[in-house]
Amino acid sequence: MTRDTKPHRLSHWAALLQRLSGMALALFLPLHFLALGLALNGEAALDGFLTWTDTPLVKLAEAGLVGLLSLHFVGGIRLLMIEFLSWRTWEKNLISIALGVTLFFVVSFLLNVFS
């Protein structure tokens, strides 16, 4: 009897993306703390940092951050649903929904920033 391993591989990719997005978000935290620290150093330091964040490259990086946040969030919800609701047969659909929601948030953010 052969087993279809595609959904199984897909769930491994979803779990890997969940972990990688969490690690990338953890790497972002020092930059976030730097911005908060600049606010404590005075208005001029924070204004200089905020001027730098208005560049298009930083805006694209922010879109990546929104993507990581939403991917990590919906991936966590997917895991909770699998854990507590026993919907293992729907796992492939949950992964697709998670990626669709992530794409929605990223595109919405980009449209808001660049419009």
PDB file of N, CA and C in Angstrom:
ATOM      1  N   MET A   1       0.854  -1.173   0.000  1.00  0.00           N
ATOM      2  CA  MET A   1       0.000   0.000   0.000  1.00  0.00           C
ATOM      3  C   MET A   1       0.900   1.236   0.000  1.00  0.00           C
ATOM      4  N   THR A   2       0.680   2.117  -0.959  1.00  0.00           N
ATOM      5  CA  THR A   2       1.471   3.346  -1.028  1.00  0.00           C
ATOM      6  C   THR A   2       0.704   4.470  -0.361  1.00  0.00           C
ATOM      7  N   ARG A   3       1.456   5.284   0.305  1.00  0.00           N
ATOM      8  CA  ARG A   3       0.853   6.414   1.011  1.00  0.00           C
ATOM      9  C   ARG A   3       1.208   7.703   0.283  1.00  0.00           C
ATOM     10  N   ASP A   4       0.235   8.589   0.157  1.00  0.00           N
ATOM     11  CA  ASP A   4       0.496   9.887  -0.463  1.00  0.00           C
ATOM     12  C   ASP A   4       1.282  10.735   0.534  1.00  0.00           C
ATOM     13  N   THR A   5       2.521  11.041   0.193  1.00  0.00           N
ATOM     14  CA  THR A   5       3.381  11.773   1.130  1.00  0.00           C
ATOM     15  C   THR A   5       3.377  13.269   0.872  1.00  0.00           C
ATOM     16  N   LYS A   6       2.663  13.732  -0.158  1.00  0.00           N
ATOM     17  CA  LYS A   6       2.649  15.169  -0.436  1.00  0.00           C
ATOM     18  C   LYS A   6       2.101  16.000   0.721  1.00  0.00           C
ATOM     19  N   PRO A   7       0.936  15.668   1.282  1.00  0.00           N
ATOM     20  CA  PRO A   7       0.472  16.465   2.421  1.00  0.00           C
ATOM     21  C   PRO A   7       1.443  16.410   3.596  1.00  0.00           C
ATOM     22  N   HIS A   8       2.068  15.244   3.772  1.00  0.00           N
ATOM     23  CA  HIS A   8       3.034  15.104   4.862  1.00  0.00           C
ATOM     24  C   HIS A   8       4.226  16.032   4.632  1.00  0.00           C
ATOM     25  N   ARG A   9       4.741  16.073   3.414  1.00  0.00           N
ATOM     26  CA  ARG A   9       5.858  16.977   3.097  1.00  0.00           C
ATOM     27  C   ARG A   9       5.434  18.437   3.215  1.00  0.00           C
ATOM     28  N   LEU A  10       4.212  18.716   2.821  1.00  0.00           N
ATOM     29  CA  LEU A  10       3.698  20.078   2.912  1.00  0.00           C
ATOM     30  C   LEU A  10       3.618  20.537   4.363  1.00  0.00           C
ATOM     31  N   SER A  11       3.224  19.639   5.253  1.00  0.00           N
ATOM     32  CA  SER A  11       3.167  20.004   6.665  1.00  0.00           C
ATOM     33  C   SER A  11       4.561  20.220   7.230  1.00  0.00           C
ATOM     34  N   HIS A  12       5.543  19.494   6.720  1.00  0.00           N
ATOM     35  CA  HIS A  12       6.928  19.729   7.151  1.00  0.00           C
ATOM     36  C   HIS A  12       7.401  21.108   6.702  1.00  0.00           C
ATOM     37  N   TRP A  13       7.051  21.509   5.481  1.00  0.00           N
ATOM     38  CA  TRP A  13       7.421  22.835   4.995  1.00  0.00           C
ATOM     39  C   TRP A  13       6.731  23.921   5.820  1.00  0.00           C
ATOM     40  N   ALA A  14       5.461  23.689   6.157  1.00  0.00           N
ATOM     41  CA  ALA A  14       4.731  24.666   6.976  1.00  0.00           C
ATOM     42  C   ALA A  14       5.371  24.797   8.354  1.00  0.00           C
ATOM     43  N   ALA A  15       5.762  23.684   8.941  1.00  0.00           N
ATOM     44  CA  ALA A  15       6.416  23.722  10.258  1.00  0.00           C
ATOM     45  C   ALA A  15       7.769  24.422  10.156  1.00  0.00           C
ATOM     46  N   LEU A  16       8.501  24.157   9.084  1.00  0.00           N
ATOM     47  CA  LEU A  16       9.797  24.804   8.892  1.00  0.00           C
ATOM     48  C   LEU A  16       9.623  26.315   8.732  1.00  0.00           C
ATOM     49  N   LEU A  17       8.640  26.743   7.932  1.00  0.00           N
ATOM     50  CA  LEU A  17       8.379  28.174   7.762  1.00  0.00           C
ATOM     51  C   LEU A  17       7.962  28.824   9.074  1.00  0.00           C
ATOM     52  N   GLN A  18       7.199  28.092   9.882  1.00  0.00           N
ATOM     53  CA  GLN A  18       6.790  28.614  11.193  1.00  0.00           C
ATOM     54  C   GLN A  18       8.018  28.890  12.058  1.00  0.00           C
ATOM     55  N   ARG A  19       8.948  27.953  12.082  1.00  0.00           N
ATOM     56  CA  ARG A  19      10.146  28.117  12.908  1.00  0.00           C
ATOM     57  C   ARG A  19      11.078  29.184  12.345  1.00  0.00           C
ATOM     58  N   LEU A  20      11.266  29.193  11.035  1.00  0.00           N
ATOM     59  CA  LEU A  20      12.160  30.178  10.423  1.00  0.00           C
ATOM     60  C   LEU A  20      11.613  31.599  10.578  1.00  0.00           C
ATOM     61  N   SER A  21      10.302  31.755  10.447  1.00  0.00           N
ATOM     62  CA  SER A  21       9.728  33.092  10.622  1.00  0.00           C
ATOM     63  C   SER A  21       9.899  33.553  12.067  1.00  0.00           C
ATOM     64  N   GLY A  22       9.765  32.647  13.012  1.00  0.00           N
ATOM     65  CA  GLY A  22       9.985  32.999  14.414  1.00  0.00           C
ATOM     66  C   GLY A  22      11.424  33.412  14.672  1.00  0.00           C
ATOM     67  N   MET A  23      12.371  32.710  14.064  1.00  0.00           N
ATOM     68  CA  MET A  23      13.782  33.064  14.239  1.00  0.00           C
ATOM     69  C   MET A  23      14.092  34.406  13.588  1.00  0.00           C
ATOM     70  N   ALA A  24      13.524  34.660  12.416  1.00  0.00           N
ATOM     71  CA  ALA A  24      13.758  35.941  11.744  1.00  0.00           C
ATOM     72  C   ALA A  24      13.157  37.092  12.544  1.00  0.00           C
ATOM     73  N   LEU A  25      12.000  36.864  13.138  1.00  0.00           N
ATOM     74  CA  LEU A  25      11.400  37.901  13.981  1.00  0.00           C
ATOM     75  C   LEU A  25      12.259  38.165  15.215  1.00  0.00           C
ATOM     76  N   ALA A  26      12.850  37.119  15.750  1.00  0.00           N
ATOM     77  CA  ALA A  26      13.741  37.297  16.904  1.00  0.00           C
ATOM     78  C   ALA A  26      14.982  38.093  16.509  1.00  0.00           C
ATOM     79  N   LEU A  27      15.459  37.924  15.283  1.00  0.00           N
ATOM     80  CA  LEU A  27      16.614  38.695  14.810  1.00  0.00           C
ATOM     81  C   LEU A  27      16.263  40.165  14.613  1.00  0.00           C
ATOM     82  N   PHE A  28      14.992  40.454  14.352  1.00  0.00           N
ATOM     83  CA  PHE A  28      14.551  41.830  14.174  1.00  0.00           C
ATOM     84  C   PHE A  28      14.486  42.597  15.497  1.00  0.00           C
ATOM     85  N   LEU A  29      14.290  41.896  16.586  1.00  0.00           N
ATOM     86  CA  LEU A  29      14.091  42.557  17.879  1.00  0.00           C
ATOM     87  C   LEU A  29      15.187  43.551  18.259  1.00  0.00           C
ATOM     88  N   PRO A  30      16.473  43.275  18.040  1.00  0.00           N
ATOM     89  CA  PRO A  30      17.477  44.295  18.389  1.00  0.00           C
ATOM     90  C   PRO A  30      17.273  45.621  17.652  1.00  0.00           C
ATOM     91  N   LEU A  31      16.851  45.570  16.391  1.00  0.00           N
ATOM     92  CA  LEU A  31      16.567  46.814  15.662  1.00  0.00           C
ATOM     93  C   LEU A  31      15.381  47.549  16.275  1.00  0.00           C
ATOM     94  N   HIS A  32      14.413  46.801  16.705  1.00  0.00           N
ATOM     95  CA  HIS A  32      13.257  47.403  17.354  1.00  0.00           C
ATOM     96  C   HIS A  32      13.676  48.080  18.665  1.00  0.00           C
ATOM     97  N   PHE A  33      14.498  47.399  19.424  1.00  0.00           N
ATOM     98  CA  PHE A  33      14.973  47.982  20.682  1.00  0.00           C
ATOM     99  C   PHE A  33      15.869  49.189  20.430  1.00  0.00           C
ATOM    100  N   LEU A  34      16.622  49.179  19.333  1.00  0.00           N
ATOM    101  CA  LEU A  34      17.442  50.329  18.968  1.00  0.00           C
ATOM    102  C   LEU A  34      16.550  51.548  18.720  1.00  0.00           C
ATOM    103  N   ALA A  35      15.466  51.342  17.980  1.00  0.00           N
ATOM    104  CA  ALA A  35      14.547  52.455  17.710  1.00  0.00           C
ATOM    105  C   ALA A  35      13.937  52.983  19.005  1.00  0.00           C
ATOM    106  N   LEU A  36      13.572  52.089  19.902  1.00  0.00           N
ATOM    107  CA  LEU A  36      13.025  52.529  21.185  1.00  0.00           C
ATOM    108  C   LEU A  36      14.075  53.269  22.004  1.00  0.00           C
ATOM    109  N   GLY A  37      15.318  52.808  21.931  1.00  0.00           N
ATOM    110  CA  GLY A  37      16.402  53.481  22.649  1.00  0.00           C
ATOM    111  C   GLY A  37      16.681  54.866  22.100  1.00  0.00           C
ATOM    112  N   LEU A  38      16.552  55.029  20.780  1.00  0.00           N
ATOM    113  CA  LEU A  38      16.749  56.343  20.179  1.00  0.00           C
ATOM    114  C   LEU A  38      15.685  57.331  20.649  1.00  0.00           C
ATOM    115  N   ALA A  39      14.503  56.832  20.904  1.00  0.00           N
ATOM    116  CA  ALA A  39      13.451  57.707  21.418  1.00  0.00           C
ATOM    117  C   ALA A  39      13.827  58.242  22.802  1.00  0.00           C
ATOM    118  N   LEU A  40      14.575  57.457  23.548  1.00  0.00           N
ATOM    119  CA  LEU A  40      15.014  57.904  24.876  1.00  0.00           C
ATOM    120  C   LEU A  40      16.163  58.910  24.792  1.00  0.00           C
ATOM    121  N   ASN A  41      16.901  58.896  23.664  1.00  0.00           N
ATOM    122  CA  ASN A  41      18.049  59.791  23.493  1.00  0.00           C
ATOM    123  C   ASN A  41      17.662  61.184  23.021  1.00  0.00           C
ATOM    124  N   GLY A  42      16.427  61.402  22.739  1.00  0.00           N
ATOM    125  CA  GLY A  42      16.004  62.728  22.322  1.00  0.00           C
ATOM    126  C   GLY A  42      15.279  62.720  20.994  1.00  0.00           C
ATOM    127  N   GLU A  43      14.646  63.834  20.732  1.00  0.00           N
ATOM    128  CA  GLU A  43      13.821  63.966  19.529  1.00  0.00           C
ATOM    129  C   GLU A  43      14.652  63.937  18.249  1.00  0.00           C
ATOM    130  N   ALA A  44      15.824  64.552  18.271  1.00  0.00           N
ATOM    131  CA  ALA A  44      16.652  64.616  17.059  1.00  0.00           C
ATOM    132  C   ALA A  44      17.119  63.231  16.636  1.00  0.00           C
ATOM    133  N   ALA A  45      17.528  62.405  17.585  1.00  0.00           N
ATOM    134  CA  ALA A  45      17.995  61.053  17.255  1.00  0.00           C
ATOM    135  C   ALA A  45      16.865  60.220  16.664  1.00  0.00           C
ATOM    136  N   LEU A  46      15.698  60.312  17.263  1.00  0.00           N
ATOM    137  CA  LEU A  46      14.556  59.555  16.756  1.00  0.00           C
ATOM    138  C   LEU A  46      14.113  60.072  15.392  1.00  0.00           C
ATOM    139  N   ASP A  47      14.106  61.388  15.194  1.00  0.00           N
ATOM    140  CA  ASP A  47      13.716  61.952  13.901  1.00  0.00           C
ATOM    141  C   ASP A  47      14.667  61.505  12.793  1.00  0.00           C
ATOM    142  N   GLY A  48      15.965  61.451  13.097  1.00  0.00           N
ATOM    143  CA  GLY A  48      16.920  60.966  12.104  1.00  0.00           C
ATOM    144  C   GLY A  48      16.656  59.516  11.725  1.00  0.00           C
ATOM    145  N   PHE A  49      16.347  58.703  12.700  1.00  0.00           N
ATOM    146  CA  PHE A  49      16.031  57.294  12.437  1.00  0.00           C
ATOM    147  C   PHE A  49      14.747  57.170  11.628  1.00  0.00           C
ATOM    148  N   LEU A  50      13.734  57.955  11.988  1.00  0.00           N
ATOM    149  CA  LEU A  50      12.456  57.885  11.277  1.00  0.00           C
ATOM    150  C   LEU A  50      12.573  58.396   9.847  1.00  0.00           C
ATOM    151  N   THR A  51      13.460  59.365   9.615  1.00  0.00           N
ATOM    152  CA  THR A  51      13.714  59.822   8.247  1.00  0.00           C
ATOM    153  C   THR A  51      14.315  58.697   7.421  1.00  0.00           C
ATOM    154  N   TRP A  52      15.239  57.971   8.032  1.00  0.00           N
ATOM    155  CA  TRP A  52      15.864  56.832   7.343  1.00  0.00           C
ATOM    156  C   TRP A  52      14.827  55.754   7.015  1.00  0.00           C
ATOM    157  N   THR A  53      13.848  55.573   7.895  1.00  0.00           N
ATOM    158  CA  THR A  53      12.850  54.524   7.662  1.00  0.00           C
ATOM    159  C   THR A  53      11.856  54.882   6.570  1.00  0.00           C
ATOM    160  N   ASP A  54      11.883  56.118   6.063  1.00  0.00           N
ATOM    161  CA  ASP A  54      10.989  56.503   4.963  1.00  0.00           C
ATOM    162  C   ASP A  54      11.510  56.101   3.592  1.00  0.00           C
ATOM    163  N   THR A  55      12.669  55.484   3.510  1.00  0.00           N
ATOM    164  CA  THR A  55      13.215  55.085   2.217  1.00  0.00           C
ATOM    165  C   THR A  55      12.460  53.863   1.681  1.00  0.00           C
ATOM    166  N   PRO A  56      12.363  53.743   0.356  1.00  0.00           N
ATOM    167  CA  PRO A  56      11.623  52.613  -0.225  1.00  0.00           C
ATOM    168  C   PRO A  56      12.194  51.249   0.165  1.00  0.00           C
ATOM    169  N   LEU A  57      13.505  51.141   0.296  1.00  0.00           N
ATOM    170  CA  LEU A  57      14.098  49.855   0.668  1.00  0.00           C
ATOM    171  C   LEU A  57      13.654  49.432   2.064  1.00  0.00           C
ATOM    172  N   VAL A  58      13.597  50.376   2.979  1.00  0.00           N
ATOM    173  CA  VAL A  58      13.140  50.064   4.336  1.00  0.00           C
ATOM    174  C   VAL A  58      11.654  49.715   4.317  1.00  0.00           C
ATOM    175  N   LYS A  59      10.885  50.388   3.484  1.00  0.00           N
ATOM    176  CA  LYS A  59       9.452  50.065   3.377  1.00  0.00           C
ATOM    177  C   LYS A  59       9.257  48.638   2.862  1.00  0.00           C
ATOM    178  N   LEU A  60      10.082  48.221   1.906  1.00  0.00           N
ATOM    179  CA  LEU A  60      10.000  46.838   1.433  1.00  0.00           C
ATOM    180  C   LEU A  60      10.407  45.866   2.530  1.00  0.00           C
ATOM    181  N   ALA A  61      11.420  46.246   3.316  1.00  0.00           N
ATOM    182  CA  ALA A  61      11.820  45.403   4.444  1.00  0.00           C
ATOM    183  C   ALA A  61      10.689  45.317   5.473  1.00  0.00           C
ATOM    184  N   GLU A  62       9.978  46.416   5.671  1.00  0.00           N
ATOM    185  CA  GLU A  62       8.826  46.397   6.575  1.00  0.00           C
ATOM    186  C   GLU A  62       7.739  45.468   6.048  1.00  0.00           C
ATOM    187  N   ALA A  63       7.559  45.445   4.729  1.00  0.00           N
ATOM    188  CA  ALA A  63       6.593  44.511   4.148  1.00  0.00           C
ATOM    189  C   ALA A  63       7.025  43.078   4.417  1.00  0.00           C
ATOM    190  N   GLY A  64       8.319  42.819   4.337  1.00  0.00           N
ATOM    191  CA  GLY A  64       8.829  41.493   4.686  1.00  0.00           C
ATOM    192  C   GLY A  64       8.565  41.167   6.145  1.00  0.00           C
ATOM    193  N   LEU A  65       8.710  42.159   6.995  1.00  0.00           N
ATOM    194  CA  LEU A  65       8.431  41.965   8.415  1.00  0.00           C
ATOM    195  C   LEU A  65       6.947  41.668   8.643  1.00  0.00           C
ATOM    196  N   VAL A  66       6.078  42.395   7.954  1.00  0.00           N
ATOM    197  CA  VAL A  66       4.640  42.122   8.056  1.00  0.00           C
ATOM    198  C   VAL A  66       4.356  40.703   7.572  1.00  0.00           C
ATOM    199  N   GLY A  67       5.025  40.305   6.500  1.00  0.00           N
ATOM    200  CA  GLY A  67       4.859  38.939   5.995  1.00  0.00           C
ATOM    201  C   GLY A  67       5.311  37.902   7.013  1.00  0.00           C
ATOM    202  N   LEU A  68       6.459  38.147   7.647  1.00  0.00           N
ATOM    203  CA  LEU A  68       6.939  37.216   8.668  1.00  0.00           C
ATOM    204  C   LEU A  68       5.978  37.141   9.848  1.00  0.00           C
ATOM    205  N   LEU A  69       5.495  38.308  10.284  1.00  0.00           N
ATOM    206  CA  LEU A  69       4.554  38.328  11.406  1.00  0.00           C
ATOM    207  C   LEU A  69       3.267  37.576  11.080  1.00  0.00           C
ATOM    208  N   SER A  70       2.714  37.844   9.906  1.00  0.00           N
ATOM    209  CA  SER A  70       1.454  37.188   9.565  1.00  0.00           C
ATOM    210  C   SER A  70       1.667  35.698   9.300  1.00  0.00           C
ATOM    211  N   LEU A  71       2.792  35.328   8.687  1.00  0.00           N
ATOM    212  CA  LEU A  71       3.090  33.914   8.457  1.00  0.00           C
ATOM    213  C   LEU A  71       3.231  33.184   9.792  1.00  0.00           C
ATOM    214  N   HIS A  72       3.943  33.795  10.719  1.00  0.00           N
ATOM    215  CA  HIS A  72       4.124  33.174  12.025  1.00  0.00           C
ATOM    216  C   HIS A  72       2.787  33.084  12.774  1.00  0.00           C
ATOM    217  N   PHE A  73       1.995  34.120  12.668  1.00  0.00           N
ATOM    218  CA  PHE A  73       0.689  34.154  13.343  1.00  0.00           C
ATOM    219  C   PHE A  73      -0.259  33.091  12.797  1.00  0.00           C
ATOM    220  N   VAL A  74      -0.463  33.079  11.482  1.00  0.00           N
ATOM    221  CA  VAL A  74      -1.417  32.117  10.921  1.00  0.00           C
ATOM    222  C   VAL A  74      -0.872  30.696  10.999  1.00  0.00           C
ATOM    223  N   GLY A  75       0.452  30.549  10.961  1.00  0.00           N
ATOM    224  CA  GLY A  75       1.029  29.225  11.168  1.00  0.00           C
ATOM    225  C   GLY A  75       0.768  28.725  12.578  1.00  0.00           C
ATOM    226  N   GLY A  76       0.837  29.620  13.547  1.00  0.00           N
ATOM    227  CA  GLY A  76       0.524  29.245  14.920  1.00  0.00           C
ATOM    228  C   GLY A  76      -0.938  28.863  15.091  1.00  0.00           C
ATOM    229  N   ILE A  77      -1.814  29.596  14.427  1.00  0.00           N
ATOM    230  CA  ILE A  77      -3.241  29.247  14.476  1.00  0.00           C
ATOM    231  C   ILE A  77      -3.469  27.887  13.834  1.00  0.00           C
ATOM    232  N   ARG A  78      -2.785  27.637  12.726  1.00  0.00           N
ATOM    233  CA  ARG A  78      -2.887  26.325  12.064  1.00  0.00           C
ATOM    234  C   ARG A  78      -2.474  25.218  13.018  1.00  0.00           C
ATOM    235  N   LEU A  79      -1.378  25.431  13.733  1.00  0.00           N
ATOM    236  CA  LEU A  79      -0.917  24.420  14.687  1.00  0.00           C
ATOM    237  C   LEU A  79      -1.919  24.206  15.809  1.00  0.00           C
ATOM    238  N   LEU A  80      -2.493  25.292  16.312  1.00  0.00           N
ATOM    239  CA  LEU A  80      -3.499  25.154  17.368  1.00  0.00           C
ATOM    240  C   LEU A  80      -4.717  24.382  16.878  1.00  0.00           C
ATOM    241  N   MET A  81      -5.143  24.656  15.649  1.00  0.00           N
ATOM    242  CA  MET A  81      -6.298  23.944  15.105  1.00  0.00           C
ATOM    243  C   MET A  81      -5.999  22.455  14.937  1.00  0.00           C
ATOM    244  N   ILE A  82      -4.817  22.140  14.464  1.00  0.00           N
ATOM    245  CA  ILE A  82      -4.446  20.735  14.296  1.00  0.00           C
ATOM    246  C   ILE A  82      -4.356  20.048  15.659  1.00  0.00           C
ATOM    247  N   GLU A  83      -3.776  20.741  16.621  1.00  0.00           N
ATOM    248  CA  GLU A  83      -3.575  20.160  17.954  1.00  0.00           C
ATOM    249  C   GLU A  83      -4.889  19.935  18.698  1.00  0.00           C
ATOM    250  N   PHE A  84      -5.762  20.924  18.669  1.00  0.00           N
ATOM    251  CA  PHE A  84      -6.957  20.849  19.505  1.00  0.00           C
ATOM    252  C   PHE A  84      -8.216  20.389  18.772  1.00  0.00           C
ATOM    253  N   LEU A  85      -8.252  20.484  17.452  1.00  0.00           N
ATOM    254  CA  LEU A  85      -9.466  20.136  16.725  1.00  0.00           C
ATOM    255  C   LEU A  85      -9.348  18.845  15.930  1.00  0.00           C
ATOM    256  N   SER A  86      -8.171  18.271  15.871  1.00  0.00           N
ATOM    257  CA  SER A  86      -7.931  17.004  15.162  1.00  0.00           C
ATOM    258  C   SER A  86      -8.422  17.042  13.721  1.00  0.00           C
ATOM    259  N   TRP A  87      -8.101  18.099  13.018  1.00  0.00           N
ATOM    260  CA  TRP A  87      -8.478  18.225  11.617  1.00  0.00           C
ATOM    261  C   TRP A  87      -7.312  17.868  10.710  1.00  0.00           C
ATOM    262  N   ARG A  88      -6.679  16.790  10.963  1.00  0.00           N
ATOM    263  CA  ARG A  88      -5.483  16.427  10.206  1.00  0.00           C
ATOM    264  C   ARG A  88      -5.761  16.253   8.709  1.00  0.00           C
ATOM    265  N   THR A  89      -6.960  15.843   8.354  1.00  0.00           N
ATOM    266  CA  THR A  89      -7.259  15.683   6.929  1.00  0.00           C
ATOM    267  C   THR A  89      -7.380  17.027   6.229  1.00  0.00           C
ATOM    268  N   TRP A  90      -7.601  18.084   6.982  1.00  0.00           N
ATOM    269  CA  TRP A  90      -7.719  19.422   6.410  1.00  0.00           C
ATOM    270  C   TRP A  90      -6.390  20.168   6.434  1.00  0.00           C
ATOM    271  N   GLU A  91      -5.344  19.523   6.849  1.00  0.00           N
ATOM    272  CA  GLU A  91      -4.085  20.234   7.069  1.00  0.00           C
ATOM    273  C   GLU A  91      -3.587  20.941   5.807  1.00  0.00           C
ATOM    274  N   LYS A  92      -3.706  20.299   4.662  1.00  0.00           N
ATOM    275  CA  LYS A  92      -3.266  20.935   3.417  1.00  0.00           C
ATOM    276  C   LYS A  92      -4.054  22.212   3.158  1.00  0.00           C
ATOM    277  N   ASN A  93      -5.346  22.182   3.402  1.00  0.00           N
ATOM    278  CA  ASN A  93      -6.169  23.383   3.224  1.00  0.00           C
ATOM    279  C   ASN A  93      -5.790  24.462   4.222  1.00  0.00           C
ATOM    280  N   LEU A  94      -5.485  24.069   5.454  1.00  0.00           N
ATOM    281  CA  LEU A  94      -5.078  25.048   6.463  1.00  0.00           C
ATOM    282  C   LEU A  94      -3.784  25.737   6.070  1.00  0.00           C
ATOM    283  N   ILE A  95      -2.861  24.989   5.497  1.00  0.00           N
ATOM    284  CA  ILE A  95      -1.600  25.567   5.041  1.00  0.00           C
ATOM    285  C   ILE A  95      -1.858  26.568   3.919  1.00  0.00           C
ATOM    286  N   SER A  96      -2.727  26.213   2.993  1.00  0.00           N
ATOM    287  CA  SER A  96      -3.067  27.120   1.894  1.00  0.00           C
ATOM    288  C   SER A  96      -3.741  28.384   2.407  1.00  0.00           C
ATOM    289  N   ILE A  97      -4.623  28.228   3.370  1.00  0.00           N
ATOM    290  CA  ILE A  97      -5.296  29.393   3.953  1.00  0.00           C
ATOM    291  C   ILE A  97      -4.279  30.276   4.663  1.00  0.00           C
ATOM    292  N   ALA A  98      -3.361  29.668   5.396  1.00  0.00           N
ATOM    293  CA  ALA A  98      -2.333  30.429   6.114  1.00  0.00           C
ATOM    294  C   ALA A  98      -1.488  31.241   5.139  1.00  0.00           C
ATOM    295  N   LEU A  99      -1.086  30.626   4.039  1.00  0.00           N
ATOM    296  CA  LEU A  99      -0.285  31.356   3.046  1.00  0.00           C
ATOM    297  C   LEU A  99      -1.113  32.441   2.364  1.00  0.00           C
ATOM    298  N   GLY A 100      -2.383  32.170   2.112  1.00  0.00           N
ATOM    299  CA  GLY A 100      -3.252  33.181   1.511  1.00  0.00           C
ATOM    300  C   GLY A 100      -3.462  34.384   2.417  1.00  0.00           C
ATOM    301  N   VAL A 101      -3.661  34.140   3.707  1.00  0.00           N
ATOM    302  CA  VAL A 101      -3.829  35.234   4.662  1.00  0.00           C
ATOM    303  C   VAL A 101      -2.546  36.046   4.756  1.00  0.00           C
ATOM    304  N   THR A 102      -1.410  35.375   4.761  1.00  0.00           N
ATOM    305  CA  THR A 102      -0.117  36.061   4.787  1.00  0.00           C
ATOM    306  C   THR A 102       0.037  36.961   3.566  1.00  0.00           C
ATOM    307  N   LEU A 103      -0.260  36.429   2.401  1.00  0.00           N
ATOM    308  CA  LEU A 103      -0.155  37.215   1.174  1.00  0.00           C
ATOM    309  C   LEU A 103      -1.106  38.413   1.210  1.00  0.00           C
ATOM    310  N   PHE A 104      -2.295  38.230   1.736  1.00  0.00           N
ATOM    311  CA  PHE A 104      -3.251  39.326   1.863  1.00  0.00           C
ATOM    312  C   PHE A 104      -2.680  40.457   2.712  1.00  0.00           C
ATOM    313  N   PHE A 105      -2.089  40.109   3.870  1.00  0.00           N
ATOM    314  CA  PHE A 105      -1.536  41.136   4.753  1.00  0.00           C
ATOM    315  C   PHE A 105      -0.367  41.867   4.105  1.00  0.00           C
ATOM    316  N   VAL A 106       0.496  41.146   3.418  1.00  0.00           N
ATOM    317  CA  VAL A 106       1.650  41.785   2.782  1.00  0.00           C
ATOM    318  C   VAL A 106       1.200  42.720   1.669  1.00  0.00           C
ATOM    319  N   VAL A 107       0.294  42.273   0.823  1.00  0.00           N
ATOM    320  CA  VAL A 107      -0.187  43.116  -0.277  1.00  0.00           C
ATOM    321  C   VAL A 107      -0.942  44.318   0.269  1.00  0.00           C
ATOM    322  N   SER A 108      -1.747  44.126   1.304  1.00  0.00           N
ATOM    323  CA  SER A 108      -2.456  45.258   1.919  1.00  0.00           C
ATOM    324  C   SER A 108      -1.478  46.280   2.470  1.00  0.00           C
ATOM    325  N   PHE A 109      -0.435  45.800   3.114  1.00  0.00           N
ATOM    326  CA  PHE A 109       0.586  46.711   3.662  1.00  0.00           C
ATOM    327  C   PHE A 109       1.274  47.485   2.541  1.00  0.00           C
ATOM    328  N   LEU A 110       1.680  46.786   1.495  1.00  0.00           N
ATOM    329  CA  LEU A 110       2.366  47.451   0.381  1.00  0.00           C
ATOM    330  C   LEU A 110       1.461  48.467  -0.295  1.00  0.00           C
ATOM    331  N   LEU A 111       0.182  48.136  -0.472  1.00  0.00           N
ATOM    332  CA  LEU A 111      -0.740  49.097  -1.081  1.00  0.00           C
ATOM    333  C   LEU A 111      -0.917  50.326  -0.209  1.00  0.00           C
ATOM    334  N   ASN A 112      -0.921  50.135   1.084  1.00  0.00           N
ATOM    335  CA  ASN A 112      -1.057  51.255   2.002  1.00  0.00           C
ATOM    336  C   ASN A 112       0.204  52.120   2.005  1.00  0.00           C
ATOM    337  N   VAL A 113       1.361  51.518   1.922  1.00  0.00           N
ATOM    338  CA  VAL A 113       2.621  52.257   1.982  1.00  0.00           C
ATOM    339  C   VAL A 113       2.895  53.008   0.680  1.00  0.00           C
ATOM    340  N   PHE A 114       2.679  52.366  -0.442  1.00  0.00           N
ATOM    341  CA  PHE A 114       3.076  52.943  -1.723  1.00  0.00           C
ATOM    342  C   PHE A 114       1.921  53.587  -2.492  1.00  0.00           C
ATOM    343  N   SER A 115       0.798  53.805  -1.861  1.00  0.00           N
ATOM    344  CA  SER A 115      -0.291  54.460  -2.598  1.00  0.00           C
ATOM    345  C   SER A 115      -0.468  55.886  -2.123  1.00  0.00           C
TER     346      SER A 115
END
